[in-house]
Amino acid sequence: MSDLENAAREAVDAAHNSEQLALITALLQAQQLTQQHTCQHPPAARSSGSAAKWVGIGVGGSVFLLAVAVSAIAVAISAVALTICVLVLRSVWQDICKG
């Protein structure tokens, strides 16, 4: 295999690894958020804030999932751009070697 093909394969592997790292980072952040919200005192006797609690959980979850989706899209766009760049450079290299 030529150096250019090795570089192309390594670039694709790096893009895949960066996508996995983004997912791992999101998972670790989610674990940190759940650990920070542990309650130290007994629950209150009244349950008037129940609806507000669930609305807050829904909004927080939605924001978190939106952030994960946007970061996944950014990783995918980066992988596509890197792949296109490698293919163009490979084509240029082949043209140089022919001429």
N, C-alpha and C. Protein backbone atom coordinates (compact mmCIF):
# COMPACT_ATOMS: atom_id res chain seq x y z
N MET A 1 0.83 -1.18 0.00
CA MET A 1 0.00 0.00 0.00
C MET A 1 0.88 1.24 0.00
N SER A 2 0.44 2.24 -0.65
CA SER A 2 1.21 3.48 -0.70
C SER A 2 0.98 4.29 0.56
N ASP A 3 1.84 5.26 0.76
CA ASP A 3 1.71 6.12 1.93
C ASP A 3 0.41 6.90 1.90
N LEU A 4 -0.03 7.28 0.71
CA LEU A 4 -1.27 8.06 0.60
C LEU A 4 -2.48 7.22 0.99
N GLU A 5 -2.49 5.96 0.59
CA GLU A 5 -3.60 5.09 0.97
C GLU A 5 -3.60 4.84 2.47
N ASN A 6 -2.41 4.67 3.04
CA ASN A 6 -2.31 4.51 4.50
C ASN A 6 -2.81 5.76 5.20
N ALA A 7 -2.44 6.92 4.69
CA ALA A 7 -2.89 8.17 5.30
C ALA A 7 -4.40 8.32 5.19
N ALA A 8 -4.97 7.92 4.06
CA ALA A 8 -6.42 8.00 3.89
C ALA A 8 -7.13 7.08 4.87
N ARG A 9 -6.61 5.87 5.02
CA ARG A 9 -7.22 4.92 5.95
C ARG A 9 -7.11 5.44 7.39
N GLU A 10 -5.95 5.98 7.73
CA GLU A 10 -5.77 6.52 9.08
C GLU A 10 -6.66 7.74 9.32
N ALA A 11 -6.90 8.54 8.29
CA ALA A 11 -7.78 9.70 8.45
C ALA A 11 -9.21 9.25 8.70
N VAL A 12 -9.65 8.23 7.99
CA VAL A 12 -11.00 7.71 8.21
C VAL A 12 -11.11 7.10 9.61
N ASP A 13 -10.08 6.37 10.03
CA ASP A 13 -10.07 5.81 11.39
C ASP A 13 -10.10 6.91 12.45
N ALA A 14 -9.36 7.98 12.21
CA ALA A 14 -9.34 9.10 13.16
C ALA A 14 -10.71 9.76 13.25
N ALA A 15 -11.38 9.90 12.11
CA ALA A 15 -12.72 10.50 12.14
C ALA A 15 -13.68 9.61 12.91
N HIS A 16 -13.57 8.30 12.73
CA HIS A 16 -14.43 7.37 13.46
C HIS A 16 -14.13 7.43 14.96
N ASN A 17 -12.84 7.49 15.30
CA ASN A 17 -12.46 7.59 16.71
C ASN A 17 -12.95 8.88 17.34
N SER A 18 -12.91 9.99 16.58
CA SER A 18 -13.39 11.25 17.15
C SER A 18 -14.89 11.19 17.40
N GLU A 19 -15.62 10.48 16.56
CA GLU A 19 -17.06 10.32 16.78
C GLU A 19 -17.30 9.52 18.05
N GLN A 20 -16.54 8.46 18.25
CA GLN A 20 -16.68 7.66 19.46
C GLN A 20 -16.31 8.48 20.70
N LEU A 21 -15.26 9.29 20.59
CA LEU A 21 -14.87 10.13 21.73
C LEU A 21 -15.95 11.14 22.07
N ALA A 22 -16.63 11.68 21.06
CA ALA A 22 -17.71 12.63 21.32
C ALA A 22 -18.84 11.95 22.06
N LEU A 23 -19.18 10.73 21.69
CA LEU A 23 -20.23 10.00 22.39
C LEU A 23 -19.83 9.65 23.81
N ILE A 24 -18.56 9.27 24.01
CA ILE A 24 -18.09 8.96 25.35
C ILE A 24 -18.11 10.21 26.22
N THR A 25 -17.70 11.35 25.66
CA THR A 25 -17.73 12.61 26.40
C THR A 25 -19.15 12.97 26.81
N ALA A 26 -20.09 12.80 25.90
CA ALA A 26 -21.49 13.09 26.22
C ALA A 26 -21.99 12.18 27.32
N LEU A 27 -21.61 10.91 27.29
CA LEU A 27 -22.02 9.97 28.32
C LEU A 27 -21.44 10.35 29.68
N LEU A 28 -20.17 10.73 29.70
CA LEU A 28 -19.53 11.14 30.96
C LEU A 28 -20.17 12.40 31.52
N GLN A 29 -20.52 13.34 30.65
CA GLN A 29 -21.18 14.56 31.12
C GLN A 29 -22.56 14.23 31.69
N ALA A 30 -23.26 13.30 31.08
CA ALA A 30 -24.57 12.91 31.60
C ALA A 30 -24.43 12.26 32.97
N GLN A 31 -23.40 11.43 33.14
CA GLN A 31 -23.17 10.80 34.44
C GLN A 31 -22.83 11.84 35.50
N GLN A 32 -22.04 12.84 35.13
CA GLN A 32 -21.71 13.90 36.09
C GLN A 32 -22.95 14.68 36.49
N LEU A 33 -23.83 14.95 35.53
CA LEU A 33 -25.05 15.68 35.84
C LEU A 33 -25.94 14.89 36.78
N THR A 34 -26.05 13.58 36.58
CA THR A 34 -26.90 12.78 37.45
C THR A 34 -26.29 12.65 38.84
N GLN A 35 -24.96 12.65 38.95
CA GLN A 35 -24.32 12.55 40.26
C GLN A 35 -24.42 13.86 41.03
N GLN A 36 -24.47 14.98 40.35
CA GLN A 36 -24.54 16.27 41.01
C GLN A 36 -25.92 16.53 41.61
N HIS A 37 -26.93 15.89 41.08
CA HIS A 37 -28.30 16.17 41.51
C HIS A 37 -28.82 15.16 42.52
N THR A 38 -27.94 14.50 43.25
CA THR A 38 -28.41 13.59 44.29
C THR A 38 -28.88 14.41 45.48
N CYS A 39 -29.92 13.99 46.08
CA CYS A 39 -30.57 14.73 47.17
C CYS A 39 -30.06 14.24 48.52
N GLN A 40 -29.70 15.14 49.44
CA GLN A 40 -29.17 14.79 50.74
C GLN A 40 -30.21 14.86 51.85
N HIS A 41 -31.33 15.49 51.62
CA HIS A 41 -32.33 15.66 52.68
C HIS A 41 -33.59 14.86 52.33
N PRO A 42 -34.42 14.57 53.33
CA PRO A 42 -35.64 13.81 53.06
C PRO A 42 -36.60 14.63 52.19
N PRO A 43 -37.44 13.96 51.40
CA PRO A 43 -38.36 14.68 50.52
C PRO A 43 -39.40 15.47 51.32
N ALA A 44 -39.86 16.56 50.74
CA ALA A 44 -40.86 17.42 51.39
C ALA A 44 -42.21 16.69 51.44
N ALA A 45 -43.04 17.08 52.40
CA ALA A 45 -44.33 16.42 52.59
C ALA A 45 -45.31 16.79 51.48
N ARG A 46 -45.19 17.99 50.93
CA ARG A 46 -46.15 18.40 49.90
C ARG A 46 -45.62 18.08 48.51
N SER A 47 -46.50 17.91 47.56
CA SER A 47 -46.10 17.57 46.20
C SER A 47 -46.62 18.59 45.20
N SER A 48 -46.65 19.86 45.59
CA SER A 48 -47.17 20.88 44.69
C SER A 48 -46.19 21.21 43.55
N GLY A 49 -44.90 20.93 43.72
CA GLY A 49 -43.91 21.23 42.70
C GLY A 49 -43.68 20.07 41.74
N SER A 50 -44.54 19.07 41.76
CA SER A 50 -44.33 17.88 40.94
C SER A 50 -44.35 18.20 39.44
N ALA A 51 -45.33 19.01 39.02
CA ALA A 51 -45.43 19.33 37.58
C ALA A 51 -44.21 20.15 37.14
N ALA A 52 -43.79 21.09 37.97
CA ALA A 52 -42.63 21.91 37.62
C ALA A 52 -41.37 21.06 37.52
N LYS A 53 -41.28 20.07 38.40
CA LYS A 53 -40.12 19.18 38.37
C LYS A 53 -40.06 18.42 37.05
N TRP A 54 -41.18 17.89 36.61
CA TRP A 54 -41.20 17.12 35.38
C TRP A 54 -40.99 18.00 34.15
N VAL A 55 -41.48 19.22 34.20
CA VAL A 55 -41.22 20.15 33.10
C VAL A 55 -39.73 20.47 33.04
N GLY A 56 -39.13 20.68 34.18
CA GLY A 56 -37.69 20.95 34.23
C GLY A 56 -36.88 19.77 33.72
N ILE A 57 -37.28 18.56 34.10
CA ILE A 57 -36.58 17.37 33.62
C ILE A 57 -36.73 17.25 32.11
N GLY A 58 -37.91 17.51 31.60
CA GLY A 58 -38.15 17.45 30.15
C GLY A 58 -37.32 18.46 29.40
N VAL A 59 -37.28 19.69 29.90
CA VAL A 59 -36.49 20.74 29.23
C VAL A 59 -35.00 20.41 29.30
N GLY A 60 -34.53 19.99 30.46
CA GLY A 60 -33.12 19.64 30.60
C GLY A 60 -32.72 18.47 29.70
N GLY A 61 -33.56 17.46 29.66
CA GLY A 61 -33.29 16.32 28.78
C GLY A 61 -33.28 16.71 27.32
N SER A 62 -34.21 17.58 26.94
CA SER A 62 -34.27 18.03 25.55
C SER A 62 -33.02 18.81 25.17
N VAL A 63 -32.58 19.68 26.04
CA VAL A 63 -31.37 20.47 25.78
C VAL A 63 -30.16 19.55 25.67
N PHE A 64 -30.07 18.57 26.55
CA PHE A 64 -28.96 17.63 26.52
C PHE A 64 -28.95 16.83 25.21
N LEU A 65 -30.11 16.30 24.83
CA LEU A 65 -30.18 15.52 23.60
C LEU A 65 -29.91 16.37 22.37
N LEU A 66 -30.34 17.63 22.39
CA LEU A 66 -30.05 18.53 21.28
C LEU A 66 -28.54 18.78 21.17
N ALA A 67 -27.88 18.96 22.30
CA ALA A 67 -26.42 19.16 22.28
C ALA A 67 -25.70 17.93 21.75
N VAL A 68 -26.15 16.75 22.13
CA VAL A 68 -25.54 15.51 21.63
C VAL A 68 -25.75 15.40 20.12
N ALA A 69 -26.96 15.72 19.65
CA ALA A 69 -27.25 15.63 18.22
C ALA A 69 -26.40 16.61 17.42
N VAL A 70 -26.26 17.83 17.91
CA VAL A 70 -25.46 18.83 17.20
C VAL A 70 -23.99 18.42 17.16
N SER A 71 -23.48 17.88 18.25
CA SER A 71 -22.08 17.44 18.25
C SER A 71 -21.88 16.25 17.33
N ALA A 72 -22.86 15.35 17.25
CA ALA A 72 -22.75 14.22 16.32
C ALA A 72 -22.76 14.69 14.88
N ILE A 73 -23.59 15.67 14.58
CA ILE A 73 -23.63 16.24 13.23
C ILE A 73 -22.30 16.91 12.89
N ALA A 74 -21.74 17.61 13.85
CA ALA A 74 -20.44 18.28 13.62
C ALA A 74 -19.35 17.25 13.34
N VAL A 75 -19.36 16.15 14.06
CA VAL A 75 -18.37 15.10 13.83
C VAL A 75 -18.57 14.48 12.45
N ALA A 76 -19.83 14.25 12.06
CA ALA A 76 -20.10 13.67 10.75
C ALA A 76 -19.66 14.60 9.62
N ILE A 77 -19.92 15.89 9.76
CA ILE A 77 -19.51 16.86 8.74
C ILE A 77 -17.98 16.90 8.66
N SER A 78 -17.31 16.85 9.79
CA SER A 78 -15.84 16.85 9.79
C SER A 78 -15.30 15.60 9.10
N ALA A 79 -15.92 14.46 9.35
CA ALA A 79 -15.47 13.22 8.72
C ALA A 79 -15.64 13.28 7.20
N VAL A 80 -16.77 13.81 6.75
CA VAL A 80 -17.01 13.92 5.31
C VAL A 80 -16.01 14.89 4.68
N ALA A 81 -15.78 16.02 5.32
CA ALA A 81 -14.83 17.00 4.78
C ALA A 81 -13.42 16.42 4.72
N LEU A 82 -13.03 15.70 5.75
CA LEU A 82 -11.71 15.09 5.76
C LEU A 82 -11.59 14.03 4.67
N THR A 83 -12.63 13.25 4.48
CA THR A 83 -12.61 12.22 3.43
C THR A 83 -12.49 12.85 2.04
N ILE A 84 -13.25 13.90 1.80
CA ILE A 84 -13.18 14.60 0.51
C ILE A 84 -11.79 15.18 0.29
N CYS A 85 -11.23 15.76 1.33
CA CYS A 85 -9.89 16.34 1.23
C CYS A 85 -8.86 15.26 0.89
N VAL A 86 -8.96 14.12 1.54
CA VAL A 86 -8.01 13.03 1.28
C VAL A 86 -8.18 12.51 -0.14
N LEU A 87 -9.41 12.38 -0.61
CA LEU A 87 -9.64 11.91 -1.97
C LEU A 87 -9.09 12.88 -3.02
N VAL A 88 -9.28 14.17 -2.78
CA VAL A 88 -8.75 15.18 -3.71
C VAL A 88 -7.23 15.14 -3.72
N LEU A 89 -6.62 15.05 -2.55
CA LEU A 89 -5.16 14.97 -2.49
C LEU A 89 -4.64 13.70 -3.15
N ARG A 90 -5.38 12.61 -3.00
CA ARG A 90 -4.98 11.36 -3.65
C ARG A 90 -5.04 11.51 -5.17
N SER A 91 -6.07 12.15 -5.66
CA SER A 91 -6.21 12.37 -7.09
C SER A 91 -5.07 13.26 -7.63
N VAL A 92 -4.76 14.30 -6.89
CA VAL A 92 -3.66 15.19 -7.29
C VAL A 92 -2.35 14.42 -7.29
N TRP A 93 -2.13 13.59 -6.30
CA TRP A 93 -0.90 12.80 -6.20
C TRP A 93 -0.79 11.83 -7.39
N GLN A 94 -1.90 11.21 -7.73
CA GLN A 94 -1.88 10.28 -8.88
C GLN A 94 -1.58 11.05 -10.18
N ASP A 95 -2.13 12.24 -10.33
CA ASP A 95 -1.84 13.05 -11.52
C ASP A 95 -0.36 13.44 -11.58
N ILE A 96 0.22 13.75 -10.44
CA ILE A 96 1.63 14.12 -10.38
C ILE A 96 2.50 12.91 -10.74
N CYS A 97 2.13 11.74 -10.24
CA CYS A 97 2.93 10.54 -10.51
C CYS A 97 2.84 10.14 -11.98
N LYS A 98 1.71 10.39 -12.65
CA LYS A 98 1.56 10.05 -14.06
C LYS A 98 2.41 10.96 -14.94
N GLY A 99 2.45 12.24 -14.56
CA GLY A 99 3.11 13.23 -15.42
C GLY A 99 4.53 13.44 -15.13
